[in-house]
Amino acid sequence: MTRVKKNFITPKVILYKNYEDLEEILNLLKNGNEVIVNVSLVDVKTSYRIIDFISGYVMAFCGKRQKIEEKIYSFKLKC
């Protein structure tokens, strides 16, 4: 009997601190990774802007967003 090897991709967790982290998040998504973003270190206005921006990027590529907890979101591209 042969065993089927399943490819499990571990989500990447990013603690968002500044706009440089945004490039890393988008590159991880582009490469097929699921990304969990924690925006608890930034102010409310900035956190809304970041989540909205990433959500727009993900939705443009048939992706999905899931709220895990307050200020913690999961993003994944389906296409």
PDB file of N, CA and C in Angstrom:
ATOM      1  N   MET A   1       0.848  -1.176   0.000  1.00  0.00           N
ATOM      2  CA  MET A   1       0.000   0.000   0.000  1.00  0.00           C
ATOM      3  C   MET A   1       0.895   1.242   0.000  1.00  0.00           C
ATOM      4  N   THR A   2       0.547   2.196  -0.828  1.00  0.00           N
ATOM      5  CA  THR A   2       1.315   3.441  -0.873  1.00  0.00           C
ATOM      6  C   THR A   2       0.608   4.502  -0.050  1.00  0.00           C
ATOM      7  N   ARG A   3       1.393   5.307   0.535  1.00  0.00           N
ATOM      8  CA  ARG A   3       0.853   6.404   1.334  1.00  0.00           C
ATOM      9  C   ARG A   3       0.800   7.662   0.490  1.00  0.00           C
ATOM     10  N   VAL A   4      -0.288   8.332   0.602  1.00  0.00           N
ATOM     11  CA  VAL A   4      -0.442   9.591  -0.114  1.00  0.00           C
ATOM     12  C   VAL A   4       0.114  10.693   0.770  1.00  0.00           C
ATOM     13  N   LYS A   5       1.034  11.435   0.218  1.00  0.00           N
ATOM     14  CA  LYS A   5       1.631  12.533   0.961  1.00  0.00           C
ATOM     15  C   LYS A   5       0.769  13.772   0.786  1.00  0.00           C
ATOM     16  N   LYS A   6       0.327  14.322   1.870  1.00  0.00           N
ATOM     17  CA  LYS A   6      -0.486  15.535   1.811  1.00  0.00           C
ATOM     18  C   LYS A   6       0.393  16.735   2.109  1.00  0.00           C
ATOM     19  N   ASN A   7       0.202  17.752   1.325  1.00  0.00           N
ATOM     20  CA  ASN A   7       0.967  18.986   1.530  1.00  0.00           C
ATOM     21  C   ASN A   7       0.173  19.935   2.411  1.00  0.00           C
ATOM     22  N   PHE A   8       0.568  20.033   3.638  1.00  0.00           N
ATOM     23  CA  PHE A   8      -0.053  20.982   4.547  1.00  0.00           C
ATOM     24  C   PHE A   8       0.823  22.219   4.600  1.00  0.00           C
ATOM     25  N   ILE A   9       0.208  23.347   4.370  1.00  0.00           N
ATOM     26  CA  ILE A   9       0.945  24.604   4.418  1.00  0.00           C
ATOM     27  C   ILE A   9       0.630  25.278   5.742  1.00  0.00           C
ATOM     28  N   THR A  10       1.656  25.528   6.507  1.00  0.00           N
ATOM     29  CA  THR A  10       1.493  26.208   7.778  1.00  0.00           C
ATOM     30  C   THR A  10       1.277  27.692   7.521  1.00  0.00           C
ATOM     31  N   PRO A  11       0.226  28.276   8.088  1.00  0.00           N
ATOM     32  CA  PRO A  11       0.007  29.717   7.892  1.00  0.00           C
ATOM     33  C   PRO A  11       1.162  30.527   8.485  1.00  0.00           C
ATOM     34  N   LYS A  12       1.468  31.613   7.826  1.00  0.00           N
ATOM     35  CA  LYS A  12       2.492  32.544   8.316  1.00  0.00           C
ATOM     36  C   LYS A  12       1.801  33.584   9.193  1.00  0.00           C
ATOM     37  N   VAL A  13       2.361  33.848  10.348  1.00  0.00           N
ATOM     38  CA  VAL A  13       1.777  34.809  11.277  1.00  0.00           C
ATOM     39  C   VAL A  13       2.623  36.080  11.258  1.00  0.00           C
ATOM     40  N   ILE A  14       1.971  37.214  11.006  1.00  0.00           N
ATOM     41  CA  ILE A  14       2.651  38.509  10.937  1.00  0.00           C
ATOM     42  C   ILE A  14       2.068  39.421  12.011  1.00  0.00           C
ATOM     43  N   LEU A  15       2.910  39.926  12.871  1.00  0.00           N
ATOM     44  CA  LEU A  15       2.523  40.950  13.840  1.00  0.00           C
ATOM     45  C   LEU A  15       2.830  42.288  13.171  1.00  0.00           C
ATOM     46  N   TYR A  16       1.782  42.932  12.660  1.00  0.00           N
ATOM     47  CA  TYR A  16       1.950  44.151  11.873  1.00  0.00           C
ATOM     48  C   TYR A  16       2.409  45.307  12.760  1.00  0.00           C
ATOM     49  N   LYS A  17       3.540  45.926  12.341  1.00  0.00           N
ATOM     50  CA  LYS A  17       4.085  47.061  13.099  1.00  0.00           C
ATOM     51  C   LYS A  17       4.160  48.329  12.261  1.00  0.00           C
ATOM     52  N   ASN A  18       4.490  48.173  10.972  1.00  0.00           N
ATOM     53  CA  ASN A  18       4.622  49.342  10.108  1.00  0.00           C
ATOM     54  C   ASN A  18       4.379  48.955   8.650  1.00  0.00           C
ATOM     55  N   TYR A  19       4.418  49.929   7.767  1.00  0.00           N
ATOM     56  CA  TYR A  19       4.070  49.703   6.375  1.00  0.00           C
ATOM     57  C   TYR A  19       5.028  48.762   5.647  1.00  0.00           C
ATOM     58  N   GLU A  20       6.243  48.572   6.145  1.00  0.00           N
ATOM     59  CA  GLU A  20       7.166  47.626   5.529  1.00  0.00           C
ATOM     60  C   GLU A  20       6.644  46.199   5.645  1.00  0.00           C
ATOM     61  N   ASP A  21       5.877  45.908   6.692  1.00  0.00           N
ATOM     62  CA  ASP A  21       5.293  44.579   6.863  1.00  0.00           C
ATOM     63  C   ASP A  21       4.246  44.283   5.793  1.00  0.00           C
ATOM     64  N   LEU A  22       3.649  45.312   5.236  1.00  0.00           N
ATOM     65  CA  LEU A  22       2.620  45.135   4.217  1.00  0.00           C
ATOM     66  C   LEU A  22       3.179  44.448   2.971  1.00  0.00           C
ATOM     67  N   GLU A  23       4.371  44.829   2.559  1.00  0.00           N
ATOM     68  CA  GLU A  23       5.003  44.203   1.397  1.00  0.00           C
ATOM     69  C   GLU A  23       5.248  42.715   1.649  1.00  0.00           C
ATOM     70  N   GLU A  24       5.694  42.382   2.837  1.00  0.00           N
ATOM     71  CA  GLU A  24       5.919  40.982   3.191  1.00  0.00           C
ATOM     72  C   GLU A  24       4.612  40.184   3.150  1.00  0.00           C
ATOM     73  N   ILE A  25       3.545  40.769   3.669  1.00  0.00           N
ATOM     74  CA  ILE A  25       2.238  40.105   3.672  1.00  0.00           C
ATOM     75  C   ILE A  25       1.779  39.827   2.243  1.00  0.00           C
ATOM     76  N   LEU A  26       1.857  40.830   1.378  1.00  0.00           N
ATOM     77  CA  LEU A  26       1.407  40.667  -0.009  1.00  0.00           C
ATOM     78  C   LEU A  26       2.261  39.651  -0.761  1.00  0.00           C
ATOM     79  N   ASN A  27       3.561  39.626  -0.508  1.00  0.00           N
ATOM     80  CA  ASN A  27       4.433  38.637  -1.154  1.00  0.00           C
ATOM     81  C   ASN A  27       4.102  37.222  -0.691  1.00  0.00           C
ATOM     82  N   LEU A  28       3.842  37.058   0.597  1.00  0.00           N
ATOM     83  CA  LEU A  28       3.465  35.736   1.107  1.00  0.00           C
ATOM     84  C   LEU A  28       2.161  35.260   0.473  1.00  0.00           C
ATOM     85  N   LEU A  29       1.185  36.155   0.366  1.00  0.00           N
ATOM     86  CA  LEU A  29      -0.086  35.797  -0.263  1.00  0.00           C
ATOM     87  C   LEU A  29       0.117  35.436  -1.727  1.00  0.00           C
ATOM     88  N   LYS A  30       0.922  36.223  -2.422  1.00  0.00           N
ATOM     89  CA  LYS A  30       1.182  35.995  -3.838  1.00  0.00           C
ATOM     90  C   LYS A  30       1.833  34.629  -4.071  1.00  0.00           C
ATOM     91  N   ASN A  31       2.629  34.176  -3.101  1.00  0.00           N
ATOM     92  CA  ASN A  31       3.309  32.891  -3.218  1.00  0.00           C
ATOM     93  C   ASN A  31       2.464  31.722  -2.725  1.00  0.00           C
ATOM     94  N   GLY A  32       1.199  31.971  -2.411  1.00  0.00           N
ATOM     95  CA  GLY A  32       0.290  30.888  -2.060  1.00  0.00           C
ATOM     96  C   GLY A  32       0.174  30.566  -0.587  1.00  0.00           C
ATOM     97  N   ASN A  33       0.753  31.376   0.262  1.00  0.00           N
ATOM     98  CA  ASN A  33       0.685  31.128   1.696  1.00  0.00           C
ATOM     99  C   ASN A  33      -0.583  31.706   2.305  1.00  0.00           C
ATOM    100  N   GLU A  34      -1.067  31.058   3.331  1.00  0.00           N
ATOM    101  CA  GLU A  34      -2.115  31.655   4.149  1.00  0.00           C
ATOM    102  C   GLU A  34      -1.409  32.546   5.159  1.00  0.00           C
ATOM    103  N   VAL A  35      -1.933  33.735   5.369  1.00  0.00           N
ATOM    104  CA  VAL A  35      -1.286  34.700   6.256  1.00  0.00           C
ATOM    105  C   VAL A  35      -2.264  35.107   7.351  1.00  0.00           C
ATOM    106  N   ILE A  36      -1.795  35.045   8.582  1.00  0.00           N
ATOM    107  CA  ILE A  36      -2.571  35.517   9.725  1.00  0.00           C
ATOM    108  C   ILE A  36      -1.941  36.833  10.158  1.00  0.00           C
ATOM    109  N   VAL A  37      -2.743  37.895  10.143  1.00  0.00           N
ATOM    110  CA  VAL A  37      -2.245  39.238  10.434  1.00  0.00           C
ATOM    111  C   VAL A  37      -2.819  39.714  11.759  1.00  0.00           C
ATOM    112  N   ASN A  38      -1.930  40.138  12.638  1.00  0.00           N
ATOM    113  CA  ASN A  38      -2.305  40.689  13.932  1.00  0.00           C
ATOM    114  C   ASN A  38      -1.993  42.186  13.895  1.00  0.00           C
ATOM    115  N   VAL A  39      -3.021  43.020  14.022  1.00  0.00           N
ATOM    116  CA  VAL A  39      -2.840  44.471  13.950  1.00  0.00           C
ATOM    117  C   VAL A  39      -3.028  45.135  15.313  1.00  0.00           C
ATOM    118  N   SER A  40      -2.783  44.410  16.371  1.00  0.00           N
ATOM    119  CA  SER A  40      -3.033  44.944  17.714  1.00  0.00           C
ATOM    120  C   SER A  40      -2.021  46.007  18.151  1.00  0.00           C
ATOM    121  N   LEU A  41      -0.892  46.113  17.460  1.00  0.00           N
ATOM    122  CA  LEU A  41       0.127  47.098  17.857  1.00  0.00           C
ATOM    123  C   LEU A  41      -0.062  48.475  17.231  1.00  0.00           C
ATOM    124  N   VAL A  42      -0.989  48.596  16.285  1.00  0.00           N
ATOM    125  CA  VAL A  42      -1.197  49.885  15.630  1.00  0.00           C
ATOM    126  C   VAL A  42      -2.530  50.480  16.060  1.00  0.00           C
ATOM    127  N   ASP A  43      -2.687  51.782  15.843  1.00  0.00           N
ATOM    128  CA  ASP A  43      -3.925  52.445  16.241  1.00  0.00           C
ATOM    129  C   ASP A  43      -5.094  51.960  15.389  1.00  0.00           C
ATOM    130  N   VAL A  44      -6.297  52.246  15.846  1.00  0.00           N
ATOM    131  CA  VAL A  44      -7.516  51.735  15.219  1.00  0.00           C
ATOM    132  C   VAL A  44      -7.641  52.182  13.765  1.00  0.00           C
ATOM    133  N   LYS A  45      -7.380  53.459  13.503  1.00  0.00           N
ATOM    134  CA  LYS A  45      -7.510  53.989  12.141  1.00  0.00           C
ATOM    135  C   LYS A  45      -6.566  53.266  11.179  1.00  0.00           C
ATOM    136  N   THR A  46      -5.334  53.084  11.600  1.00  0.00           N
ATOM    137  CA  THR A  46      -4.352  52.396  10.759  1.00  0.00           C
ATOM    138  C   THR A  46      -4.727  50.932  10.574  1.00  0.00           C
ATOM    139  N   SER A  47      -5.215  50.295  11.615  1.00  0.00           N
ATOM    140  CA  SER A  47      -5.589  48.883  11.494  1.00  0.00           C
ATOM    141  C   SER A  47      -6.722  48.694  10.489  1.00  0.00           C
ATOM    142  N   TYR A  48      -7.705  49.614  10.486  1.00  0.00           N
ATOM    143  CA  TYR A  48      -8.788  49.544   9.503  1.00  0.00           C
ATOM    144  C   TYR A  48      -8.245  49.700   8.080  1.00  0.00           C
ATOM    145  N   ARG A  49      -7.335  50.638   7.883  1.00  0.00           N
ATOM    146  CA  ARG A  49      -6.765  50.864   6.557  1.00  0.00           C
ATOM    147  C   ARG A  49      -5.997  49.642   6.066  1.00  0.00           C
ATOM    148  N   ILE A  50      -5.232  49.025   6.946  1.00  0.00           N
ATOM    149  CA  ILE A  50      -4.423  47.865   6.573  1.00  0.00           C
ATOM    150  C   ILE A  50      -5.312  46.679   6.222  1.00  0.00           C
ATOM    151  N   ILE A  51      -6.288  46.391   7.073  1.00  0.00           N
ATOM    152  CA  ILE A  51      -7.186  45.258   6.828  1.00  0.00           C
ATOM    153  C   ILE A  51      -7.996  45.495   5.557  1.00  0.00           C
ATOM    154  N   ASP A  52      -8.448  46.717   5.332  1.00  0.00           N
ATOM    155  CA  ASP A  52      -9.187  47.034   4.104  1.00  0.00           C
ATOM    156  C   ASP A  52      -8.309  46.852   2.862  1.00  0.00           C
ATOM    157  N   PHE A  53      -7.072  47.288   2.941  1.00  0.00           N
ATOM    158  CA  PHE A  53      -6.167  47.174   1.803  1.00  0.00           C
ATOM    159  C   PHE A  53      -5.890  45.709   1.472  1.00  0.00           C
ATOM    160  N   ILE A  54      -5.540  44.927   2.486  1.00  0.00           N
ATOM    161  CA  ILE A  54      -5.248  43.503   2.261  1.00  0.00           C
ATOM    162  C   ILE A  54      -6.507  42.785   1.778  1.00  0.00           C
ATOM    163  N   SER A  55      -7.666  43.138   2.339  1.00  0.00           N
ATOM    164  CA  SER A  55      -8.926  42.523   1.919  1.00  0.00           C
ATOM    165  C   SER A  55      -9.200  42.796   0.446  1.00  0.00           C
ATOM    166  N   GLY A  56      -8.958  44.012   0.005  1.00  0.00           N
ATOM    167  CA  GLY A  56      -9.143  44.353  -1.401  1.00  0.00           C
ATOM    168  C   GLY A  56      -8.221  43.564  -2.301  1.00  0.00           C
ATOM    169  N   TYR A  57      -6.975  43.420  -1.892  1.00  0.00           N
ATOM    170  CA  TYR A  57      -5.994  42.632  -2.651  1.00  0.00           C
ATOM    171  C   TYR A  57      -6.452  41.184  -2.760  1.00  0.00           C
ATOM    172  N   VAL A  58      -6.875  40.629  -1.643  1.00  0.00           N
ATOM    173  CA  VAL A  58      -7.298  39.228  -1.600  1.00  0.00           C
ATOM    174  C   VAL A  58      -8.567  39.008  -2.428  1.00  0.00           C
ATOM    175  N   MET A  59      -9.544  39.905  -2.299  1.00  0.00           N
ATOM    176  CA  MET A  59     -10.789  39.753  -3.042  1.00  0.00           C
ATOM    177  C   MET A  59     -10.575  39.890  -4.552  1.00  0.00           C
ATOM    178  N   ALA A  60      -9.600  40.676  -4.963  1.00  0.00           N
ATOM    179  CA  ALA A  60      -9.295  40.827  -6.383  1.00  0.00           C
ATOM    180  C   ALA A  60      -8.768  39.531  -6.990  1.00  0.00           C
ATOM    181  N   PHE A  61      -8.215  38.655  -6.153  1.00  0.00           N
ATOM    182  CA  PHE A  61      -7.662  37.383  -6.617  1.00  0.00           C
ATOM    183  C   PHE A  61      -8.451  36.186  -6.083  1.00  0.00           C
ATOM    184  N   CYS A  62      -9.775  36.357  -5.958  1.00  0.00           N
ATOM    185  CA  CYS A  62     -10.672  35.267  -5.545  1.00  0.00           C
ATOM    186  C   CYS A  62     -10.294  34.683  -4.185  1.00  0.00           C
ATOM    187  N   GLY A  63      -9.837  35.492  -3.291  1.00  0.00           N
ATOM    188  CA  GLY A  63      -9.418  34.995  -1.990  1.00  0.00           C
ATOM    189  C   GLY A  63     -10.489  35.130  -0.937  1.00  0.00           C
ATOM    190  N   LYS A  64     -10.087  34.861   0.290  1.00  0.00           N
ATOM    191  CA  LYS A  64     -11.040  34.997   1.384  1.00  0.00           C
ATOM    192  C   LYS A  64     -10.356  35.592   2.609  1.00  0.00           C
ATOM    193  N   ARG A  65     -11.176  36.241   3.409  1.00  0.00           N
ATOM    194  CA  ARG A  65     -10.734  36.835   4.665  1.00  0.00           C
ATOM    195  C   ARG A  65     -11.598  36.243   5.764  1.00  0.00           C
ATOM    196  N   GLN A  66     -10.974  35.944   6.882  1.00  0.00           N
ATOM    197  CA  GLN A  66     -11.714  35.427   8.021  1.00  0.00           C
ATOM    198  C   GLN A  66     -11.221  36.130   9.274  1.00  0.00           C
ATOM    199  N   LYS A  67     -12.168  36.637  10.055  1.00  0.00           N
ATOM    200  CA  LYS A  67     -11.809  37.262  11.318  1.00  0.00           C
ATOM    201  C   LYS A  67     -11.663  36.161  12.358  1.00  0.00           C
ATOM    202  N   ILE A  68     -10.488  36.063  12.934  1.00  0.00           N
ATOM    203  CA  ILE A  68     -10.220  35.033  13.930  1.00  0.00           C
ATOM    204  C   ILE A  68     -10.571  35.542  15.321  1.00  0.00           C
ATOM    205  N   GLU A  69     -10.154  36.748  15.581  1.00  0.00           N
ATOM    206  CA  GLU A  69     -10.365  37.388  16.873  1.00  0.00           C
ATOM    207  C   GLU A  69     -10.293  38.885  16.626  1.00  0.00           C
ATOM    208  N   GLU A  70     -10.604  39.675  17.644  1.00  0.00           N
ATOM    209  CA  GLU A  70     -10.501  41.117  17.460  1.00  0.00           C
ATOM    210  C   GLU A  70      -9.059  41.476  17.115  1.00  0.00           C
ATOM    211  N   LYS A  71      -8.881  42.155  15.984  1.00  0.00           N
ATOM    212  CA  LYS A  71      -7.593  42.610  15.461  1.00  0.00           C
ATOM    213  C   LYS A  71      -6.697  41.482  14.943  1.00  0.00           C
ATOM    214  N   ILE A  72      -7.259  40.296  14.713  1.00  0.00           N
ATOM    215  CA  ILE A  72      -6.506  39.188  14.125  1.00  0.00           C
ATOM    216  C   ILE A  72      -7.330  38.602  12.984  1.00  0.00           C
ATOM    217  N   TYR A  73      -6.734  38.584  11.779  1.00  0.00           N
ATOM    218  CA  TYR A  73      -7.440  38.146  10.581  1.00  0.00           C
ATOM    219  C   TYR A  73      -6.606  37.126   9.819  1.00  0.00           C
ATOM    220  N   SER A  74      -7.288  36.239   9.127  1.00  0.00           N
ATOM    221  CA  SER A  74      -6.644  35.259   8.265  1.00  0.00           C
ATOM    222  C   SER A  74      -6.988  35.603   6.820  1.00  0.00           C
ATOM    223  N   PHE A  75      -5.967  35.552   5.947  1.00  0.00           N
ATOM    224  CA  PHE A  75      -6.149  35.833   4.523  1.00  0.00           C
ATOM    225  C   PHE A  75      -5.579  34.685   3.712  1.00  0.00           C
ATOM    226  N   LYS A  76      -6.280  34.339   2.627  1.00  0.00           N
ATOM    227  CA  LYS A  76      -5.793  33.273   1.749  1.00  0.00           C
ATOM    228  C   LYS A  76      -6.324  33.497   0.343  1.00  0.00           C
ATOM    229  N   LEU A  77      -5.463  33.290  -0.644  1.00  0.00           N
ATOM    230  CA  LEU A  77      -5.868  33.369  -2.038  1.00  0.00           C
ATOM    231  C   LEU A  77      -6.322  32.000  -2.496  1.00  0.00           C
ATOM    232  N   LYS A  78      -7.436  31.955  -3.224  1.00  0.00           N
ATOM    233  CA  LYS A  78      -7.951  30.681  -3.737  1.00  0.00           C
ATOM    234  C   LYS A  78      -7.450  30.383  -5.139  1.00  0.00           C
ATOM    235  N   CYS A  79      -7.209  31.400  -5.938  1.00  0.00           N
ATOM    236  CA  CYS A  79      -6.825  31.203  -7.342  1.00  0.00           C
ATOM    237  C   CYS A  79      -5.343  30.892  -7.473  1.00  0.00           C
TER     238      CYS A  79
END
